[in-house]
Amino acid sequence: MKAKELDRVFDAGKDITKHLDLSKARRVNQTPRRVNVDFPSWMVNSLDKEASRLGVTRQSIIKVWISERLKEQTA
């Protein structure tokens, strides 16, 4: 299928996944990078308490909250 035809099918709201080789798919700008951040003890305790309440890891809650804040800033 040529690109123009794929665009037409996509723009029509139809499923195009059967035309894609998902084994080679990648998410742009999604490569993880390690960042070290120091938090005061009270903050780590609060993060752990909230993470436990939600049943997720501390790292997950930090990622979600930072992501939400960055989306707010760009909106």
PDB file of N, CA and C in Angstrom:
ATOM      1  N   MET A   1       0.844  -1.170   0.000  1.00  0.00           N
ATOM      2  CA  MET A   1       0.000   0.000   0.000  1.00  0.00           C
ATOM      3  C   MET A   1       0.893   1.237   0.000  1.00  0.00           C
ATOM      4  N   LYS A   2       0.567   2.180  -0.832  1.00  0.00           N
ATOM      5  CA  LYS A   2       1.340   3.417  -0.915  1.00  0.00           C
ATOM      6  C   LYS A   2       0.938   4.355   0.219  1.00  0.00           C
ATOM      7  N   ALA A   3       1.821   5.289   0.526  1.00  0.00           N
ATOM      8  CA  ALA A   3       1.610   6.201   1.653  1.00  0.00           C
ATOM      9  C   ALA A   3       0.313   6.996   1.520  1.00  0.00           C
ATOM     10  N   LYS A   4       0.008   7.486   0.323  1.00  0.00           N
ATOM     11  CA  LYS A   4      -1.223   8.277   0.147  1.00  0.00           C
ATOM     12  C   LYS A   4      -2.463   7.442   0.439  1.00  0.00           C
ATOM     13  N   GLU A   5      -2.452   6.183   0.021  1.00  0.00           N
ATOM     14  CA  GLU A   5      -3.582   5.302   0.289  1.00  0.00           C
ATOM     15  C   GLU A   5      -3.695   5.014   1.783  1.00  0.00           C
ATOM     16  N   LEU A   6      -2.550   4.780   2.433  1.00  0.00           N
ATOM     17  CA  LEU A   6      -2.541   4.546   3.879  1.00  0.00           C
ATOM     18  C   LEU A   6      -3.091   5.772   4.604  1.00  0.00           C
ATOM     19  N   ASP A   7      -2.672   6.969   4.194  1.00  0.00           N
ATOM     20  CA  ASP A   7      -3.190   8.203   4.792  1.00  0.00           C
ATOM     21  C   ASP A   7      -4.700   8.310   4.616  1.00  0.00           C
ATOM     22  N   ARG A   8      -5.188   7.963   3.440  1.00  0.00           N
ATOM     23  CA  ARG A   8      -6.625   8.049   3.160  1.00  0.00           C
ATOM     24  C   ARG A   8      -7.406   7.103   4.077  1.00  0.00           C
ATOM     25  N   VAL A   9      -6.906   5.869   4.206  1.00  0.00           N
ATOM     26  CA  VAL A   9      -7.566   4.883   5.058  1.00  0.00           C
ATOM     27  C   VAL A   9      -7.535   5.349   6.520  1.00  0.00           C
ATOM     28  N   PHE A  10      -6.390   5.854   6.960  1.00  0.00           N
ATOM     29  CA  PHE A  10      -6.251   6.345   8.336  1.00  0.00           C
ATOM     30  C   PHE A  10      -7.193   7.518   8.586  1.00  0.00           C
ATOM     31  N   ASP A  11      -7.200   8.483   7.662  1.00  0.00           N
ATOM     32  CA  ASP A  11      -8.058   9.664   7.804  1.00  0.00           C
ATOM     33  C   ASP A  11      -9.540   9.302   7.811  1.00  0.00           C
ATOM     34  N   ALA A  12      -9.880   8.189   7.200  1.00  0.00           N
ATOM     35  CA  ALA A  12     -11.271   7.719   7.195  1.00  0.00           C
ATOM     36  C   ALA A  12     -11.631   7.027   8.508  1.00  0.00           C
ATOM     37  N   GLY A  13     -10.646   6.898   9.405  1.00  0.00           N
ATOM     38  CA  GLY A  13     -10.901   6.299  10.712  1.00  0.00           C
ATOM     39  C   GLY A  13     -10.878   4.788  10.718  1.00  0.00           C
ATOM     40  N   LYS A  14     -10.347   4.196   9.664  1.00  0.00           N
ATOM     41  CA  LYS A  14     -10.294   2.736   9.577  1.00  0.00           C
ATOM     42  C   LYS A  14      -9.021   2.204  10.227  1.00  0.00           C
ATOM     43  N   ASP A  15      -9.041   0.932  10.585  1.00  0.00           N
ATOM     44  CA  ASP A  15      -7.897   0.271  11.220  1.00  0.00           C
ATOM     45  C   ASP A  15      -6.801   0.028  10.180  1.00  0.00           C
ATOM     46  N   ILE A  16      -5.611   0.562  10.447  1.00  0.00           N
ATOM     47  CA  ILE A  16      -4.493   0.404   9.509  1.00  0.00           C
ATOM     48  C   ILE A  16      -3.432  -0.550  10.039  1.00  0.00           C
ATOM     49  N   THR A  17      -3.648  -1.120  11.216  1.00  0.00           N
ATOM     50  CA  THR A  17      -2.596  -1.934  11.832  1.00  0.00           C
ATOM     51  C   THR A  17      -2.215  -3.156  10.999  1.00  0.00           C
ATOM     52  N   LYS A  18      -3.143  -3.680  10.211  1.00  0.00           N
ATOM     53  CA  LYS A  18      -2.800  -4.851   9.390  1.00  0.00           C
ATOM     54  C   LYS A  18      -1.795  -4.489   8.293  1.00  0.00           C
ATOM     55  N   HIS A  19      -1.622  -3.199   8.033  1.00  0.00           N
ATOM     56  CA  HIS A  19      -0.681  -2.737   7.008  1.00  0.00           C
ATOM     57  C   HIS A  19       0.677  -2.350   7.592  1.00  0.00           C
ATOM     58  N   LEU A  20       0.826  -2.482   8.908  1.00  0.00           N
ATOM     59  CA  LEU A  20       2.054  -2.056   9.583  1.00  0.00           C
ATOM     60  C   LEU A  20       2.851  -3.251  10.073  1.00  0.00           C
ATOM     61  N   ASP A  21       4.165  -3.110  10.078  1.00  0.00           N
ATOM     62  CA  ASP A  21       5.047  -4.121  10.665  1.00  0.00           C
ATOM     63  C   ASP A  21       5.377  -3.653  12.079  1.00  0.00           C
ATOM     64  N   LEU A  22       4.559  -4.078  13.046  1.00  0.00           N
ATOM     65  CA  LEU A  22       4.699  -3.604  14.423  1.00  0.00           C
ATOM     66  C   LEU A  22       5.954  -4.129  15.110  1.00  0.00           C
ATOM     67  N   SER A  23       6.601  -5.136  14.535  1.00  0.00           N
ATOM     68  CA  SER A  23       7.833  -5.648  15.141  1.00  0.00           C
ATOM     69  C   SER A  23       8.959  -4.615  15.044  1.00  0.00           C
ATOM     70  N   LYS A  24       8.813  -3.664  14.139  1.00  0.00           N
ATOM     71  CA  LYS A  24       9.837  -2.632  13.977  1.00  0.00           C
ATOM     72  C   LYS A  24       9.391  -1.281  14.535  1.00  0.00           C
ATOM     73  N   ALA A  25       8.226  -1.252  15.166  1.00  0.00           N
ATOM     74  CA  ALA A  25       7.704  -0.001  15.709  1.00  0.00           C
ATOM     75  C   ALA A  25       8.529   0.448  16.908  1.00  0.00           C
ATOM     76  N   ARG A  26       8.643   1.750  17.060  1.00  0.00           N
ATOM     77  CA  ARG A  26       9.329   2.303  18.232  1.00  0.00           C
ATOM     78  C   ARG A  26       8.650   3.593  18.626  1.00  0.00           C
ATOM     79  N   ARG A  27       8.792   3.968  19.864  1.00  0.00           N
ATOM     80  CA  ARG A  27       8.190   5.187  20.370  1.00  0.00           C
ATOM     81  C   ARG A  27       9.257   6.273  20.402  1.00  0.00           C
ATOM     82  N   VAL A  28       9.046   7.298  19.632  1.00  0.00           N
ATOM     83  CA  VAL A  28      10.013   8.393  19.536  1.00  0.00           C
ATOM     84  C   VAL A  28      10.059   9.150  20.856  1.00  0.00           C
ATOM     85  N   ASN A  29      11.253   9.513  21.275  1.00  0.00           N
ATOM     86  CA  ASN A  29      11.487  10.260  22.518  1.00  0.00           C
ATOM     87  C   ASN A  29      10.989   9.533  23.764  1.00  0.00           C
ATOM     88  N   GLN A  30      10.929   8.212  23.728  1.00  0.00           N
ATOM     89  CA  GLN A  30      10.467   7.439  24.869  1.00  0.00           C
ATOM     90  C   GLN A  30      11.578   6.596  25.493  1.00  0.00           C
ATOM     91  N   THR A  31      12.819   6.789  25.036  1.00  0.00           N
ATOM     92  CA  THR A  31      13.926   6.039  25.600  1.00  0.00           C
ATOM     93  C   THR A  31      14.151   6.490  27.048  1.00  0.00           C
ATOM     94  N   PRO A  32      14.115   5.545  27.986  1.00  0.00           N
ATOM     95  CA  PRO A  32      14.307   5.946  29.386  1.00  0.00           C
ATOM     96  C   PRO A  32      15.704   6.496  29.636  1.00  0.00           C
ATOM     97  N   ARG A  33      15.761   7.516  30.451  1.00  0.00           N
ATOM     98  CA  ARG A  33      17.040   8.074  30.892  1.00  0.00           C
ATOM     99  C   ARG A  33      17.010   8.147  32.409  1.00  0.00           C
ATOM    100  N   ARG A  34      18.090   7.741  33.016  1.00  0.00           N
ATOM    101  CA  ARG A  34      18.170   7.735  34.471  1.00  0.00           C
ATOM    102  C   ARG A  34      18.474   9.142  34.988  1.00  0.00           C
ATOM    103  N   VAL A  35      17.706   9.535  36.007  1.00  0.00           N
ATOM    104  CA  VAL A  35      17.884  10.840  36.643  1.00  0.00           C
ATOM    105  C   VAL A  35      17.883  10.616  38.152  1.00  0.00           C
ATOM    106  N   ASN A  36      18.837  11.174  38.822  1.00  0.00           N
ATOM    107  CA  ASN A  36      18.896  11.074  40.282  1.00  0.00           C
ATOM    108  C   ASN A  36      18.353  12.357  40.897  1.00  0.00           C
ATOM    109  N   VAL A  37      17.432  12.187  41.836  1.00  0.00           N
ATOM    110  CA  VAL A  37      16.835  13.331  42.517  1.00  0.00           C
ATOM    111  C   VAL A  37      16.842  13.038  44.008  1.00  0.00           C
ATOM    112  N   ASP A  38      17.258  14.001  44.788  1.00  0.00           N
ATOM    113  CA  ASP A  38      17.259  13.856  46.245  1.00  0.00           C
ATOM    114  C   ASP A  38      15.995  14.519  46.799  1.00  0.00           C
ATOM    115  N   PHE A  39      15.248  13.764  47.612  1.00  0.00           N
ATOM    116  CA  PHE A  39      14.048  14.276  48.263  1.00  0.00           C
ATOM    117  C   PHE A  39      14.265  14.245  49.774  1.00  0.00           C
ATOM    118  N   PRO A  40      13.673  15.176  50.497  1.00  0.00           N
ATOM    119  CA  PRO A  40      13.738  15.097  51.965  1.00  0.00           C
ATOM    120  C   PRO A  40      12.921  13.886  52.452  1.00  0.00           C
ATOM    121  N   SER A  41      13.262  13.411  53.616  1.00  0.00           N
ATOM    122  CA  SER A  41      12.616  12.207  54.175  1.00  0.00           C
ATOM    123  C   SER A  41      11.105  12.320  54.224  1.00  0.00           C
ATOM    124  N   TRP A  42      10.588  13.462  54.648  1.00  0.00           N
ATOM    125  CA  TRP A  42       9.136  13.613  54.762  1.00  0.00           C
ATOM    126  C   TRP A  42       8.454  13.421  53.404  1.00  0.00           C
ATOM    127  N   MET A  43       9.140  13.861  52.339  1.00  0.00           N
ATOM    128  CA  MET A  43       8.565  13.746  51.008  1.00  0.00           C
ATOM    129  C   MET A  43       8.556  12.289  50.550  1.00  0.00           C
ATOM    130  N   VAL A  44       9.647  11.583  50.825  1.00  0.00           N
ATOM    131  CA  VAL A  44       9.713  10.157  50.466  1.00  0.00           C
ATOM    132  C   VAL A  44       8.641   9.387  51.231  1.00  0.00           C
ATOM    133  N   ASN A  45       8.463   9.711  52.508  1.00  0.00           N
ATOM    134  CA  ASN A  45       7.429   9.041  53.304  1.00  0.00           C
ATOM    135  C   ASN A  45       6.044   9.305  52.735  1.00  0.00           C
ATOM    136  N   SER A  46       5.789  10.537  52.336  1.00  0.00           N
ATOM    137  CA  SER A  46       4.488  10.880  51.747  1.00  0.00           C
ATOM    138  C   SER A  46       4.286  10.181  50.406  1.00  0.00           C
ATOM    139  N   LEU A  47       5.334  10.136  49.606  1.00  0.00           N
ATOM    140  CA  LEU A  47       5.259   9.433  48.320  1.00  0.00           C
ATOM    141  C   LEU A  47       4.972   7.951  48.529  1.00  0.00           C
ATOM    142  N   ASP A  48       5.666   7.348  49.484  1.00  0.00           N
ATOM    143  CA  ASP A  48       5.467   5.925  49.772  1.00  0.00           C
ATOM    144  C   ASP A  48       4.052   5.650  50.265  1.00  0.00           C
ATOM    145  N   LYS A  49       3.536   6.524  51.105  1.00  0.00           N
ATOM    146  CA  LYS A  49       2.183   6.350  51.627  1.00  0.00           C
ATOM    147  C   LYS A  49       1.162   6.420  50.482  1.00  0.00           C
ATOM    148  N   GLU A  50       1.302   7.401  49.606  1.00  0.00           N
ATOM    149  CA  GLU A  50       0.372   7.550  48.487  1.00  0.00           C
ATOM    150  C   GLU A  50       0.519   6.395  47.492  1.00  0.00           C
ATOM    151  N   ALA A  51       1.756   5.995  47.226  1.00  0.00           N
ATOM    152  CA  ALA A  51       1.991   4.873  46.310  1.00  0.00           C
ATOM    153  C   ALA A  51       1.364   3.593  46.864  1.00  0.00           C
ATOM    154  N   SER A  52       1.510   3.386  48.151  1.00  0.00           N
ATOM    155  CA  SER A  52       0.924   2.205  48.787  1.00  0.00           C
ATOM    156  C   SER A  52      -0.595   2.239  48.704  1.00  0.00           C
ATOM    157  N   ARG A  53      -1.159   3.402  48.936  1.00  0.00           N
ATOM    158  CA  ARG A  53      -2.617   3.554  48.874  1.00  0.00           C
ATOM    159  C   ARG A  53      -3.143   3.217  47.482  1.00  0.00           C
ATOM    160  N   LEU A  54      -2.378   3.615  46.449  1.00  0.00           N
ATOM    161  CA  LEU A  54      -2.788   3.370  45.067  1.00  0.00           C
ATOM    162  C   LEU A  54      -2.347   2.003  44.542  1.00  0.00           C
ATOM    163  N   GLY A  55      -1.464   1.330  45.291  1.00  0.00           N
ATOM    164  CA  GLY A  55      -0.977   0.018  44.869  1.00  0.00           C
ATOM    165  C   GLY A  55       0.023   0.082  43.732  1.00  0.00           C
ATOM    166  N   VAL A  56       0.829   1.135  43.724  1.00  0.00           N
ATOM    167  CA  VAL A  56       1.861   1.305  42.697  1.00  0.00           C
ATOM    168  C   VAL A  56       3.196   1.566  43.378  1.00  0.00           C
ATOM    169  N   THR A  57       4.250   1.637  42.589  1.00  0.00           N
ATOM    170  CA  THR A  57       5.574   1.904  43.153  1.00  0.00           C
ATOM    171  C   THR A  57       5.785   3.407  43.328  1.00  0.00           C
ATOM    172  N   ARG A  58       6.754   3.741  44.133  1.00  0.00           N
ATOM    173  CA  ARG A  58       7.132   5.140  44.325  1.00  0.00           C
ATOM    174  C   ARG A  58       7.521   5.762  42.989  1.00  0.00           C
ATOM    175  N   GLN A  59       8.299   5.040  42.212  1.00  0.00           N
ATOM    176  CA  GLN A  59       8.740   5.550  40.917  1.00  0.00           C
ATOM    177  C   GLN A  59       7.545   5.845  40.009  1.00  0.00           C
ATOM    178  N   SER A  60       6.561   4.983  40.022  1.00  0.00           N
ATOM    179  CA  SER A  60       5.376   5.185  39.187  1.00  0.00           C
ATOM    180  C   SER A  60       4.639   6.460  39.553  1.00  0.00           C
ATOM    181  N   ILE A  61       4.453   6.679  40.837  1.00  0.00           N
ATOM    182  CA  ILE A  61       3.710   7.869  41.265  1.00  0.00           C
ATOM    183  C   ILE A  61       4.475   9.140  40.910  1.00  0.00           C
ATOM    184  N   ILE A  62       5.787   9.102  41.043  1.00  0.00           N
ATOM    185  CA  ILE A  62       6.599  10.268  40.675  1.00  0.00           C
ATOM    186  C   ILE A  62       6.466  10.544  39.182  1.00  0.00           C
ATOM    187  N   LYS A  63       6.566   9.501  38.358  1.00  0.00           N
ATOM    188  CA  LYS A  63       6.449   9.676  36.905  1.00  0.00           C
ATOM    189  C   LYS A  63       5.091  10.248  36.513  1.00  0.00           C
ATOM    190  N   VAL A  64       4.031   9.695  37.095  1.00  0.00           N
ATOM    191  CA  VAL A  64       2.683  10.152  36.758  1.00  0.00           C
ATOM    192  C   VAL A  64       2.499  11.606  37.157  1.00  0.00           C
ATOM    193  N   TRP A  65       2.896  11.965  38.370  1.00  0.00           N
ATOM    194  CA  TRP A  65       2.700  13.336  38.835  1.00  0.00           C
ATOM    195  C   TRP A  65       3.512  14.336  38.018  1.00  0.00           C
ATOM    196  N   ILE A  66       4.744  13.994  37.703  1.00  0.00           N
ATOM    197  CA  ILE A  66       5.559  14.905  36.892  1.00  0.00           C
ATOM    198  C   ILE A  66       4.973  15.021  35.486  1.00  0.00           C
ATOM    199  N   SER A  67       4.537  13.906  34.919  1.00  0.00           N
ATOM    200  CA  SER A  67       3.927  13.925  33.596  1.00  0.00           C
ATOM    201  C   SER A  67       2.683  14.811  33.579  1.00  0.00           C
ATOM    202  N   GLU A  68       1.829  14.672  34.580  1.00  0.00           N
ATOM    203  CA  GLU A  68       0.615  15.493  34.672  1.00  0.00           C
ATOM    204  C   GLU A  68       0.962  16.974  34.737  1.00  0.00           C
ATOM    205  N   ARG A  69       1.949  17.299  35.531  1.00  0.00           N
ATOM    206  CA  ARG A  69       2.337  18.713  35.689  1.00  0.00           C
ATOM    207  C   ARG A  69       2.908  19.271  34.391  1.00  0.00           C
ATOM    208  N   LEU A  70       3.721  18.492  33.703  1.00  0.00           N
ATOM    209  CA  LEU A  70       4.300  18.961  32.435  1.00  0.00           C
ATOM    210  C   LEU A  70       3.217  19.155  31.374  1.00  0.00           C
ATOM    211  N   LYS A  71       2.219  18.265  31.356  1.00  0.00           N
ATOM    212  CA  LYS A  71       1.111  18.427  30.416  1.00  0.00           C
ATOM    213  C   LYS A  71       0.321  19.682  30.712  1.00  0.00           C
ATOM    214  N   GLU A  72       0.109  19.991  32.004  1.00  0.00           N
ATOM    215  CA  GLU A  72      -0.575  21.223  32.392  1.00  0.00           C
ATOM    216  C   GLU A  72       0.182  22.442  31.887  1.00  0.00           C
ATOM    217  N   GLN A  73       1.487  22.412  32.021  1.00  0.00           N
ATOM    218  CA  GLN A  73       2.312  23.549  31.639  1.00  0.00           C
ATOM    219  C   GLN A  73       2.278  23.809  30.140  1.00  0.00           C
ATOM    220  N   THR A  74       2.146  22.751  29.343  1.00  0.00           N
ATOM    221  CA  THR A  74       2.150  22.926  27.896  1.00  0.00           C
ATOM    222  C   THR A  74       0.757  23.214  27.345  1.00  0.00           C
ATOM    223  N   ALA A  75      -0.265  23.026  28.185  1.00  0.00           N
ATOM    224  CA  ALA A  75      -1.647  23.256  27.718  1.00  0.00           C
ATOM    225  C   ALA A  75      -1.987  24.744  27.690  1.00  0.00           C
TER     226      ALA A  75
END
